[in-house]
Amino acid sequence: MGNRLAAAVRELLVAMDVPLAQIDSEIAAMGSARIARTNSRSVLGSMNDMVYMADAFLEGAVIPDGILAAELAMAEAPCGPIGYRAPRDVVVALLREVR
């Protein structure tokens, strides 16, 4: 997995107050992850929605400072492929299961 993605995930999880030990574990697990196409139109639609939201949140923002703020705002947006829950809520619940 790319270093930039891992760094961005680390920064976002720190901002979400995830314990550092869990962050380190998640980043290590990302080392074997691969990025590929999706066959799900729902996932593709949600990804496109996130692009539009990011554009709106970043309009006039100072980059890179505005990126984390946009990520945190988008983490609160309901997302269809995860049952219209907020990504932040899903992350917190999944990490709670791992403890």
PDB file of N, CA and C in Angstrom:
ATOM      1  N   MET A   1       0.864  -1.169   0.000  1.00  0.00           N
ATOM      2  CA  MET A   1       0.000   0.000   0.000  1.00  0.00           C
ATOM      3  C   MET A   1       0.902   1.221   0.000  1.00  0.00           C
ATOM      4  N   GLY A   2       0.502   2.249  -0.682  1.00  0.00           N
ATOM      5  CA  GLY A   2       1.332   3.435  -0.803  1.00  0.00           C
ATOM      6  C   GLY A   2       1.557   4.150   0.523  1.00  0.00           C
ATOM      7  N   ASN A   3       2.735   4.737   0.647  1.00  0.00           N
ATOM      8  CA  ASN A   3       3.077   5.462   1.873  1.00  0.00           C
ATOM      9  C   ASN A   3       2.151   6.644   2.117  1.00  0.00           C
ATOM     10  N   ARG A   4       1.734   7.311   1.044  1.00  0.00           N
ATOM     11  CA  ARG A   4       0.833   8.476   1.207  1.00  0.00           C
ATOM     12  C   ARG A   4      -0.511   8.061   1.769  1.00  0.00           C
ATOM     13  N   LEU A   5      -1.044   6.928   1.309  1.00  0.00           N
ATOM     14  CA  LEU A   5      -2.325   6.453   1.821  1.00  0.00           C
ATOM     15  C   LEU A   5      -2.190   6.063   3.291  1.00  0.00           C
ATOM     16  N   ALA A   6      -1.153   5.343   3.624  1.00  0.00           N
ATOM     17  CA  ALA A   6      -0.931   4.933   5.018  1.00  0.00           C
ATOM     18  C   ALA A   6      -0.782   6.157   5.918  1.00  0.00           C
ATOM     19  N   ALA A   7      -0.061   7.163   5.464  1.00  0.00           N
ATOM     20  CA  ALA A   7       0.112   8.386   6.261  1.00  0.00           C
ATOM     21  C   ALA A   7      -1.216   9.105   6.448  1.00  0.00           C
ATOM     22  N   ALA A   8      -2.028   9.148   5.398  1.00  0.00           N
ATOM     23  CA  ALA A   8      -3.337   9.809   5.485  1.00  0.00           C
ATOM     24  C   ALA A   8      -4.264   9.049   6.427  1.00  0.00           C
ATOM     25  N   VAL A   9      -4.251   7.728   6.357  1.00  0.00           N
ATOM     26  CA  VAL A   9      -5.085   6.917   7.249  1.00  0.00           C
ATOM     27  C   VAL A   9      -4.635   7.122   8.695  1.00  0.00           C
ATOM     28  N   ARG A  10      -3.331   7.117   8.914  1.00  0.00           N
ATOM     29  CA  ARG A  10      -2.796   7.339  10.263  1.00  0.00           C
ATOM     30  C   ARG A  10      -3.260   8.698  10.803  1.00  0.00           C
ATOM     31  N   GLU A  11      -3.123   9.736  10.000  1.00  0.00           N
ATOM     32  CA  GLU A  11      -3.525  11.081  10.423  1.00  0.00           C
ATOM     33  C   GLU A  11      -5.020  11.131  10.760  1.00  0.00           C
ATOM     34  N   LEU A  12      -5.835  10.498   9.936  1.00  0.00           N
ATOM     35  CA  LEU A  12      -7.278  10.501  10.157  1.00  0.00           C
ATOM     36  C   LEU A  12      -7.638   9.727  11.426  1.00  0.00           C
ATOM     37  N   LEU A  13      -7.036   8.559  11.629  1.00  0.00           N
ATOM     38  CA  LEU A  13      -7.340   7.775  12.826  1.00  0.00           C
ATOM     39  C   LEU A  13      -6.873   8.479  14.098  1.00  0.00           C
ATOM     40  N   VAL A  14      -5.749   9.170  14.035  1.00  0.00           N
ATOM     41  CA  VAL A  14      -5.294   9.962  15.185  1.00  0.00           C
ATOM     42  C   VAL A  14      -6.319  11.043  15.497  1.00  0.00           C
ATOM     43  N   ALA A  15      -6.806  11.716  14.462  1.00  0.00           N
ATOM     44  CA  ALA A  15      -7.801  12.777  14.644  1.00  0.00           C
ATOM     45  C   ALA A  15      -9.113  12.231  15.197  1.00  0.00           C
ATOM     46  N   MET A  16      -9.375  10.949  14.958  1.00  0.00           N
ATOM     47  CA  MET A  16     -10.589  10.307  15.465  1.00  0.00           C
ATOM     48  C   MET A  16     -10.372   9.713  16.855  1.00  0.00           C
ATOM     49  N   ASP A  17      -9.218   9.979  17.454  1.00  0.00           N
ATOM     50  CA  ASP A  17      -8.879   9.507  18.808  1.00  0.00           C
ATOM     51  C   ASP A  17      -8.812   7.991  18.932  1.00  0.00           C
ATOM     52  N   VAL A  18      -8.392   7.329  17.864  1.00  0.00           N
ATOM     53  CA  VAL A  18      -8.178   5.885  17.921  1.00  0.00           C
ATOM     54  C   VAL A  18      -6.862   5.655  18.670  1.00  0.00           C
ATOM     55  N   PRO A  19      -6.816   4.678  19.585  1.00  0.00           N
ATOM     56  CA  PRO A  19      -5.572   4.401  20.306  1.00  0.00           C
ATOM     57  C   PRO A  19      -4.410   4.087  19.356  1.00  0.00           C
ATOM     58  N   LEU A  20      -3.230   4.596  19.692  1.00  0.00           N
ATOM     59  CA  LEU A  20      -2.060   4.447  18.810  1.00  0.00           C
ATOM     60  C   LEU A  20      -1.713   2.990  18.519  1.00  0.00           C
ATOM     61  N   ALA A  21      -1.871   2.104  19.483  1.00  0.00           N
ATOM     62  CA  ALA A  21      -1.574   0.689  19.238  1.00  0.00           C
ATOM     63  C   ALA A  21      -2.477   0.128  18.139  1.00  0.00           C
ATOM     64  N   GLN A  22      -3.749   0.525  18.139  1.00  0.00           N
ATOM     65  CA  GLN A  22      -4.668   0.065  17.099  1.00  0.00           C
ATOM     66  C   GLN A  22      -4.312   0.683  15.756  1.00  0.00           C
ATOM     67  N   ILE A  23      -3.920   1.933  15.778  1.00  0.00           N
ATOM     68  CA  ILE A  23      -3.515   2.590  14.529  1.00  0.00           C
ATOM     69  C   ILE A  23      -2.328   1.852  13.926  1.00  0.00           C
ATOM     70  N   ASP A  24      -1.327   1.570  14.741  1.00  0.00           N
ATOM     71  CA  ASP A  24      -0.139   0.855  14.249  1.00  0.00           C
ATOM     72  C   ASP A  24      -0.515  -0.503  13.664  1.00  0.00           C
ATOM     73  N   SER A  25      -1.438  -1.195  14.331  1.00  0.00           N
ATOM     74  CA  SER A  25      -1.883  -2.500  13.845  1.00  0.00           C
ATOM     75  C   SER A  25      -2.596  -2.375  12.504  1.00  0.00           C
ATOM     76  N   GLU A  26      -3.461  -1.375  12.372  1.00  0.00           N
ATOM     77  CA  GLU A  26      -4.184  -1.168  11.117  1.00  0.00           C
ATOM     78  C   GLU A  26      -3.236  -0.805   9.978  1.00  0.00           C
ATOM     79  N   ILE A  27      -2.288   0.061  10.256  1.00  0.00           N
ATOM     80  CA  ILE A  27      -1.321   0.462   9.224  1.00  0.00           C
ATOM     81  C   ILE A  27      -0.488  -0.741   8.788  1.00  0.00           C
ATOM     82  N   ALA A  28      -0.076  -1.569   9.735  1.00  0.00           N
ATOM     83  CA  ALA A  28       0.680  -2.775   9.392  1.00  0.00           C
ATOM     84  C   ALA A  28      -0.152  -3.707   8.516  1.00  0.00           C
ATOM     85  N   ALA A  29      -1.436  -3.851   8.848  1.00  0.00           N
ATOM     86  CA  ALA A  29      -2.316  -4.726   8.065  1.00  0.00           C
ATOM     87  C   ALA A  29      -2.523  -4.187   6.647  1.00  0.00           C
ATOM     88  N   MET A  30      -2.440  -2.872   6.484  1.00  0.00           N
ATOM     89  CA  MET A  30      -2.603  -2.278   5.154  1.00  0.00           C
ATOM     90  C   MET A  30      -1.472  -2.656   4.215  1.00  0.00           C
ATOM     91  N   GLY A  31      -0.366  -3.122   4.750  1.00  0.00           N
ATOM     92  CA  GLY A  31       0.787  -3.470   3.926  1.00  0.00           C
ATOM     93  C   GLY A  31       0.491  -4.536   2.889  1.00  0.00           C
ATOM     94  N   SER A  32      -0.463  -5.408   3.179  1.00  0.00           N
ATOM     95  CA  SER A  32      -0.793  -6.474   2.230  1.00  0.00           C
ATOM     96  C   SER A  32      -2.047  -6.166   1.421  1.00  0.00           C
ATOM     97  N   ALA A  33      -2.625  -4.990   1.598  1.00  0.00           N
ATOM     98  CA  ALA A  33      -3.844  -4.621   0.871  1.00  0.00           C
ATOM     99  C   ALA A  33      -3.532  -4.263  -0.582  1.00  0.00           C
ATOM    100  N   ARG A  34      -4.506  -4.461  -1.425  1.00  0.00           N
ATOM    101  CA  ARG A  34      -4.389  -4.102  -2.838  1.00  0.00           C
ATOM    102  C   ARG A  34      -5.619  -3.287  -3.228  1.00  0.00           C
ATOM    103  N   ILE A  35      -5.439  -2.388  -4.159  1.00  0.00           N
ATOM    104  CA  ILE A  35      -6.536  -1.578  -4.671  1.00  0.00           C
ATOM    105  C   ILE A  35      -6.943  -2.147  -6.022  1.00  0.00           C
ATOM    106  N   ALA A  36      -8.249  -2.359  -6.198  1.00  0.00           N
ATOM    107  CA  ALA A  36      -8.740  -2.938  -7.444  1.00  0.00           C
ATOM    108  C   ALA A  36     -10.087  -2.306  -7.793  1.00  0.00           C
ATOM    109  N   ARG A  37     -10.579  -2.620  -8.953  1.00  0.00           N
ATOM    110  CA  ARG A  37     -11.886  -2.139  -9.401  1.00  0.00           C
ATOM    111  C   ARG A  37     -12.981  -2.776  -8.565  1.00  0.00           C
ATOM    112  N   THR A  38     -14.104  -2.094  -8.505  1.00  0.00           N
ATOM    113  CA  THR A  38     -15.280  -2.664  -7.848  1.00  0.00           C
ATOM    114  C   THR A  38     -16.297  -3.080  -8.892  1.00  0.00           C
ATOM    115  N   ASN A  39     -17.032  -4.113  -8.592  1.00  0.00           N
ATOM    116  CA  ASN A  39     -18.145  -4.524  -9.452  1.00  0.00           C
ATOM    117  C   ASN A  39     -19.458  -3.983  -8.923  1.00  0.00           C
ATOM    118  N   SER A  40     -19.401  -3.278  -7.792  1.00  0.00           N
ATOM    119  CA  SER A  40     -20.613  -2.775  -7.152  1.00  0.00           C
ATOM    120  C   SER A  40     -20.914  -1.352  -7.611  1.00  0.00           C
ATOM    121  N   ARG A  41     -22.054  -1.161  -8.220  1.00  0.00           N
ATOM    122  CA  ARG A  41     -22.457   0.190  -8.637  1.00  0.00           C
ATOM    123  C   ARG A  41     -22.719   1.070  -7.420  1.00  0.00           C
ATOM    124  N   SER A  42     -23.158   0.453  -6.332  1.00  0.00           N
ATOM    125  CA  SER A  42     -23.413   1.199  -5.099  1.00  0.00           C
ATOM    126  C   SER A  42     -22.108   1.772  -4.531  1.00  0.00           C
ATOM    127  N   VAL A  43     -21.061   0.958  -4.513  1.00  0.00           N
ATOM    128  CA  VAL A  43     -19.756   1.427  -4.035  1.00  0.00           C
ATOM    129  C   VAL A  43     -19.230   2.510  -4.965  1.00  0.00           C
ATOM    130  N   LEU A  44     -19.322   2.286  -6.267  1.00  0.00           N
ATOM    131  CA  LEU A  44     -18.861   3.282  -7.230  1.00  0.00           C
ATOM    132  C   LEU A  44     -19.619   4.599  -7.064  1.00  0.00           C
ATOM    133  N   GLY A  45     -20.931   4.525  -6.886  1.00  0.00           N
ATOM    134  CA  GLY A  45     -21.733   5.735  -6.689  1.00  0.00           C
ATOM    135  C   GLY A  45     -21.325   6.466  -5.421  1.00  0.00           C
ATOM    136  N   SER A  46     -21.082   5.723  -4.357  1.00  0.00           N
ATOM    137  CA  SER A  46     -20.655   6.345  -3.104  1.00  0.00           C
ATOM    138  C   SER A  46     -19.282   6.988  -3.246  1.00  0.00           C
ATOM    139  N   MET A  47     -18.393   6.340  -3.981  1.00  0.00           N
ATOM    140  CA  MET A  47     -17.067   6.927  -4.212  1.00  0.00           C
ATOM    141  C   MET A  47     -17.194   8.232  -4.988  1.00  0.00           C
ATOM    142  N   ASN A  48     -18.061   8.243  -5.992  1.00  0.00           N
ATOM    143  CA  ASN A  48     -18.288   9.476  -6.755  1.00  0.00           C
ATOM    144  C   ASN A  48     -18.895  10.563  -5.879  1.00  0.00           C
ATOM    145  N   ASP A  49     -19.837  10.183  -5.003  1.00  0.00           N
ATOM    146  CA  ASP A  49     -20.421  11.152  -4.071  1.00  0.00           C
ATOM    147  C   ASP A  49     -19.338  11.760  -3.183  1.00  0.00           C
ATOM    148  N   MET A  50     -18.412  10.922  -2.720  1.00  0.00           N
ATOM    149  CA  MET A  50     -17.328  11.413  -1.858  1.00  0.00           C
ATOM    150  C   MET A  50     -16.425  12.397  -2.607  1.00  0.00           C
ATOM    151  N   VAL A  51     -16.219  12.155  -3.890  1.00  0.00           N
ATOM    152  CA  VAL A  51     -15.423  13.086  -4.693  1.00  0.00           C
ATOM    153  C   VAL A  51     -16.103  14.446  -4.746  1.00  0.00           C
ATOM    154  N   TYR A  52     -17.410  14.462  -4.994  1.00  0.00           N
ATOM    155  CA  TYR A  52     -18.147  15.734  -5.035  1.00  0.00           C
ATOM    156  C   TYR A  52     -18.128  16.423  -3.678  1.00  0.00           C
ATOM    157  N   MET A  53     -18.283  15.640  -2.605  1.00  0.00           N
ATOM    158  CA  MET A  53     -18.231  16.237  -1.261  1.00  0.00           C
ATOM    159  C   MET A  53     -16.852  16.822  -0.984  1.00  0.00           C
ATOM    160  N   ALA A  54     -15.815  16.091  -1.362  1.00  0.00           N
ATOM    161  CA  ALA A  54     -14.455  16.578  -1.134  1.00  0.00           C
ATOM    162  C   ALA A  54     -14.237  17.892  -1.878  1.00  0.00           C
ATOM    163  N   ASP A  55     -14.688  17.959  -3.116  1.00  0.00           N
ATOM    164  CA  ASP A  55     -14.566  19.209  -3.879  1.00  0.00           C
ATOM    165  C   ASP A  55     -15.246  20.363  -3.152  1.00  0.00           C
ATOM    166  N   ALA A  56     -16.435  20.108  -2.621  1.00  0.00           N
ATOM    167  CA  ALA A  56     -17.182  21.156  -1.927  1.00  0.00           C
ATOM    168  C   ALA A  56     -16.482  21.571  -0.635  1.00  0.00           C
ATOM    169  N   PHE A  57     -16.013  20.593   0.143  1.00  0.00           N
ATOM    170  CA  PHE A  57     -15.345  20.899   1.402  1.00  0.00           C
ATOM    171  C   PHE A  57     -14.007  21.602   1.191  1.00  0.00           C
ATOM    172  N   LEU A  58     -13.344  21.289   0.094  1.00  0.00           N
ATOM    173  CA  LEU A  58     -12.008  21.836  -0.150  1.00  0.00           C
ATOM    174  C   LEU A  58     -12.032  23.155  -0.913  1.00  0.00           C
ATOM    175  N   GLU A  59     -13.185  23.548  -1.426  1.00  0.00           N
ATOM    176  CA  GLU A  59     -13.260  24.796  -2.180  1.00  0.00           C
ATOM    177  C   GLU A  59     -12.801  25.960  -1.308  1.00  0.00           C
ATOM    178  N   GLY A  60     -11.759  26.617  -1.745  1.00  0.00           N
ATOM    179  CA  GLY A  60     -11.209  27.761  -1.027  1.00  0.00           C
ATOM    180  C   GLY A  60     -10.377  27.385   0.185  1.00  0.00           C
ATOM    181  N   ALA A  61     -10.202  26.095   0.460  1.00  0.00           N
ATOM    182  CA  ALA A  61      -9.428  25.654   1.621  1.00  0.00           C
ATOM    183  C   ALA A  61      -7.931  25.728   1.336  1.00  0.00           C
ATOM    184  N   VAL A  62      -7.162  25.865   2.384  1.00  0.00           N
ATOM    185  CA  VAL A  62      -5.706  25.820   2.274  1.00  0.00           C
ATOM    186  C   VAL A  62      -5.295  24.353   2.269  1.00  0.00           C
ATOM    187  N   ILE A  63      -4.604  23.964   1.231  1.00  0.00           N
ATOM    188  CA  ILE A  63      -4.148  22.583   1.111  1.00  0.00           C
ATOM    189  C   ILE A  63      -2.721  22.539   1.643  1.00  0.00           C
ATOM    190  N   PRO A  64      -2.295  21.594   2.446  1.00  0.00           N
ATOM    191  CA  PRO A  64      -2.994  20.363   2.799  1.00  0.00           C
ATOM    192  C   PRO A  64      -3.846  20.451   4.062  1.00  0.00           C
ATOM    193  N   ASP A  65      -3.830  21.567   4.786  1.00  0.00           N
ATOM    194  CA  ASP A  65      -4.559  21.666   6.052  1.00  0.00           C
ATOM    195  C   ASP A  65      -6.043  21.349   5.907  1.00  0.00           C
ATOM    196  N   GLY A  66      -6.637  21.750   4.813  1.00  0.00           N
ATOM    197  CA  GLY A  66      -8.061  21.534   4.618  1.00  0.00           C
ATOM    198  C   GLY A  66      -8.430  20.093   4.350  1.00  0.00           C
ATOM    199  N   ILE A  67      -7.462  19.280   3.967  1.00  0.00           N
ATOM    200  CA  ILE A  67      -7.761  17.889   3.614  1.00  0.00           C
ATOM    201  C   ILE A  67      -8.262  17.111   4.825  1.00  0.00           C
ATOM    202  N   LEU A  68      -7.594  17.220   5.964  1.00  0.00           N
ATOM    203  CA  LEU A  68      -8.034  16.493   7.157  1.00  0.00           C
ATOM    204  C   LEU A  68      -9.423  16.958   7.585  1.00  0.00           C
ATOM    205  N   ALA A  69      -9.672  18.245   7.539  1.00  0.00           N
ATOM    206  CA  ALA A  69     -10.994  18.758   7.900  1.00  0.00           C
ATOM    207  C   ALA A  69     -12.059  18.191   6.973  1.00  0.00           C
ATOM    208  N   ALA A  70     -11.764  18.102   5.684  1.00  0.00           N
ATOM    209  CA  ALA A  70     -12.718  17.528   4.727  1.00  0.00           C
ATOM    210  C   ALA A  70     -12.926  16.045   5.004  1.00  0.00           C
ATOM    211  N   GLU A  71     -11.845  15.320   5.309  1.00  0.00           N
ATOM    212  CA  GLU A  71     -11.966  13.890   5.612  1.00  0.00           C
ATOM    213  C   GLU A  71     -12.845  13.658   6.842  1.00  0.00           C
ATOM    214  N   LEU A  72     -12.647  14.472   7.866  1.00  0.00           N
ATOM    215  CA  LEU A  72     -13.442  14.328   9.086  1.00  0.00           C
ATOM    216  C   LEU A  72     -14.915  14.648   8.825  1.00  0.00           C
ATOM    217  N   ALA A  73     -15.173  15.651   8.004  1.00  0.00           N
ATOM    218  CA  ALA A  73     -16.558  15.987   7.657  1.00  0.00           C
ATOM    219  C   ALA A  73     -17.192  14.866   6.834  1.00  0.00           C
ATOM    220  N   MET A  74     -16.457  14.326   5.874  1.00  0.00           N
ATOM    221  CA  MET A  74     -16.996  13.252   5.041  1.00  0.00           C
ATOM    222  C   MET A  74     -17.207  11.972   5.849  1.00  0.00           C
ATOM    223  N   ALA A  75     -16.440  11.787   6.909  1.00  0.00           N
ATOM    224  CA  ALA A  75     -16.598  10.607   7.761  1.00  0.00           C
ATOM    225  C   ALA A  75     -17.936  10.607   8.491  1.00  0.00           C
ATOM    226  N   GLU A  76     -18.604  11.748   8.513  1.00  0.00           N
ATOM    227  CA  GLU A  76     -19.909  11.859   9.164  1.00  0.00           C
ATOM    228  C   GLU A  76     -21.069  11.677   8.179  1.00  0.00           C
ATOM    229  N   ALA A  77     -20.781  11.606   6.893  1.00  0.00           N
ATOM    230  CA  ALA A  77     -21.825  11.514   5.864  1.00  0.00           C
ATOM    231  C   ALA A  77     -22.337  10.082   5.728  1.00  0.00           C
ATOM    232  N   PRO A  78     -23.647   9.866   5.783  1.00  0.00           N
ATOM    233  CA  PRO A  78     -24.199   8.518   5.604  1.00  0.00           C
ATOM    234  C   PRO A  78     -23.763   7.931   4.264  1.00  0.00           C
ATOM    235  N   CYS A  79     -23.516   6.637   4.264  1.00  0.00           N
ATOM    236  CA  CYS A  79     -22.984   5.970   3.069  1.00  0.00           C
ATOM    237  C   CYS A  79     -23.789   4.690   2.803  1.00  0.00           C
ATOM    238  N   GLY A  80     -24.376   4.598   1.630  1.00  0.00           N
ATOM    239  CA  GLY A  80     -25.248   3.483   1.265  1.00  0.00           C
ATOM    240  C   GLY A  80     -24.656   2.095   1.435  1.00  0.00           C
ATOM    241  N   PRO A  81     -23.452   1.830   0.919  1.00  0.00           N
ATOM    242  CA  PRO A  81     -22.918   0.467   1.003  1.00  0.00           C
ATOM    243  C   PRO A  81     -22.689  -0.032   2.434  1.00  0.00           C
ATOM    244  N   ILE A  82     -22.723   0.862   3.418  1.00  0.00           N
ATOM    245  CA  ILE A  82     -22.561   0.428   4.811  1.00  0.00           C
ATOM    246  C   ILE A  82     -23.848   0.704   5.601  1.00  0.00           C
ATOM    247  N   GLY A  83     -24.970   0.530   4.910  1.00  0.00           N
ATOM    248  CA  GLY A  83     -26.272   0.644   5.562  1.00  0.00           C
ATOM    249  C   GLY A  83     -26.656   2.060   5.947  1.00  0.00           C
ATOM    250  N   TYR A  84     -26.190   3.036   5.195  1.00  0.00           N
ATOM    251  CA  TYR A  84     -26.471   4.458   5.432  1.00  0.00           C
ATOM    252  C   TYR A  84     -26.002   4.913   6.815  1.00  0.00           C
ATOM    253  N   ARG A  85     -24.957   4.245   7.287  1.00  0.00           N
ATOM    254  CA  ARG A  85     -24.313   4.688   8.525  1.00  0.00           C
ATOM    255  C   ARG A  85     -23.154   5.602   8.139  1.00  0.00           C
ATOM    256  N   ALA A  86     -22.674   6.364   9.098  1.00  0.00           N
ATOM    257  CA  ALA A  86     -21.524   7.230   8.864  1.00  0.00           C
ATOM    258  C   ALA A  86     -20.256   6.380   8.921  1.00  0.00           C
ATOM    259  N   PRO A  87     -19.318   6.585   7.992  1.00  0.00           N
ATOM    260  CA  PRO A  87     -18.072   5.822   8.020  1.00  0.00           C
ATOM    261  C   PRO A  87     -17.366   5.890   9.375  1.00  0.00           C
ATOM    262  N   ARG A  88     -17.397   7.045  10.024  1.00  0.00           N
ATOM    263  CA  ARG A  88     -16.749   7.169  11.336  1.00  0.00           C
ATOM    264  C   ARG A  88     -17.359   6.179  12.333  1.00  0.00           C
ATOM    265  N   ASP A  89     -18.682   6.056  12.341  1.00  0.00           N
ATOM    266  CA  ASP A  89     -19.345   5.138  13.263  1.00  0.00           C
ATOM    267  C   ASP A  89     -18.949   3.691  12.989  1.00  0.00           C
ATOM    268  N   VAL A  90     -18.838   3.353  11.710  1.00  0.00           N
ATOM    269  CA  VAL A  90     -18.456   1.992  11.339  1.00  0.00           C
ATOM    270  C   VAL A  90     -17.021   1.709  11.771  1.00  0.00           C
ATOM    271  N   VAL A  91     -16.129   2.654  11.548  1.00  0.00           N
ATOM    272  CA  VAL A  91     -14.720   2.482  11.955  1.00  0.00           C
ATOM    273  C   VAL A  91     -14.629   2.273  13.454  1.00  0.00           C
ATOM    274  N   VAL A  92     -15.300   3.125  14.211  1.00  0.00           N
ATOM    275  CA  VAL A  92     -15.256   3.018  15.674  1.00  0.00           C
ATOM    276  C   VAL A  92     -15.795   1.656  16.123  1.00  0.00           C
ATOM    277  N   ALA A  93     -16.914   1.211  15.541  1.00  0.00           N
ATOM    278  CA  ALA A  93     -17.496  -0.078  15.910  1.00  0.00           C
ATOM    279  C   ALA A  93     -16.571  -1.237  15.558  1.00  0.00           C
ATOM    280  N   LEU A  94     -15.991  -1.205  14.376  1.00  0.00           N
ATOM    281  CA  LEU A  94     -15.086  -2.283  13.964  1.00  0.00           C
ATOM    282  C   LEU A  94     -13.836  -2.330  14.839  1.00  0.00           C
ATOM    283  N   LEU A  95     -13.289  -1.191  15.144  1.00  0.00           N
ATOM    284  CA  LEU A  95     -12.091  -1.171  15.992  1.00  0.00           C
ATOM    285  C   LEU A  95     -12.406  -1.594  17.422  1.00  0.00           C
ATOM    286  N   ARG A  96     -13.611  -1.330  17.882  1.00  0.00           N
ATOM    287  CA  ARG A  96     -14.031  -1.764  19.211  1.00  0.00           C
ATOM    288  C   ARG A  96     -14.067  -3.300  19.265  1.00  0.00           C
ATOM    289  N   GLU A  97     -14.479  -3.938  18.151  1.00  0.00           N
ATOM    290  CA  GLU A  97     -14.530  -5.407  18.078  1.00  0.00           C
ATOM    291  C   GLU A  97     -13.141  -6.029  18.146  1.00  0.00           C
ATOM    292  N   VAL A  98     -12.141  -5.326  17.617  1.00  0.00           N
ATOM    293  CA  VAL A  98     -10.779  -5.862  17.526  1.00  0.00           C
ATOM    294  C   VAL A  98     -10.101  -5.870  18.897  1.00  0.00           C
ATOM    295  N   ARG A  99     -10.452  -4.930  19.743  1.00  0.00           N
ATOM    296  CA  ARG A  99      -9.799  -4.828  21.056  1.00  0.00           C
ATOM    297  C   ARG A  99      -9.909  -6.096  21.757  1.00  0.00           C
TER     298      ARG A  99
END
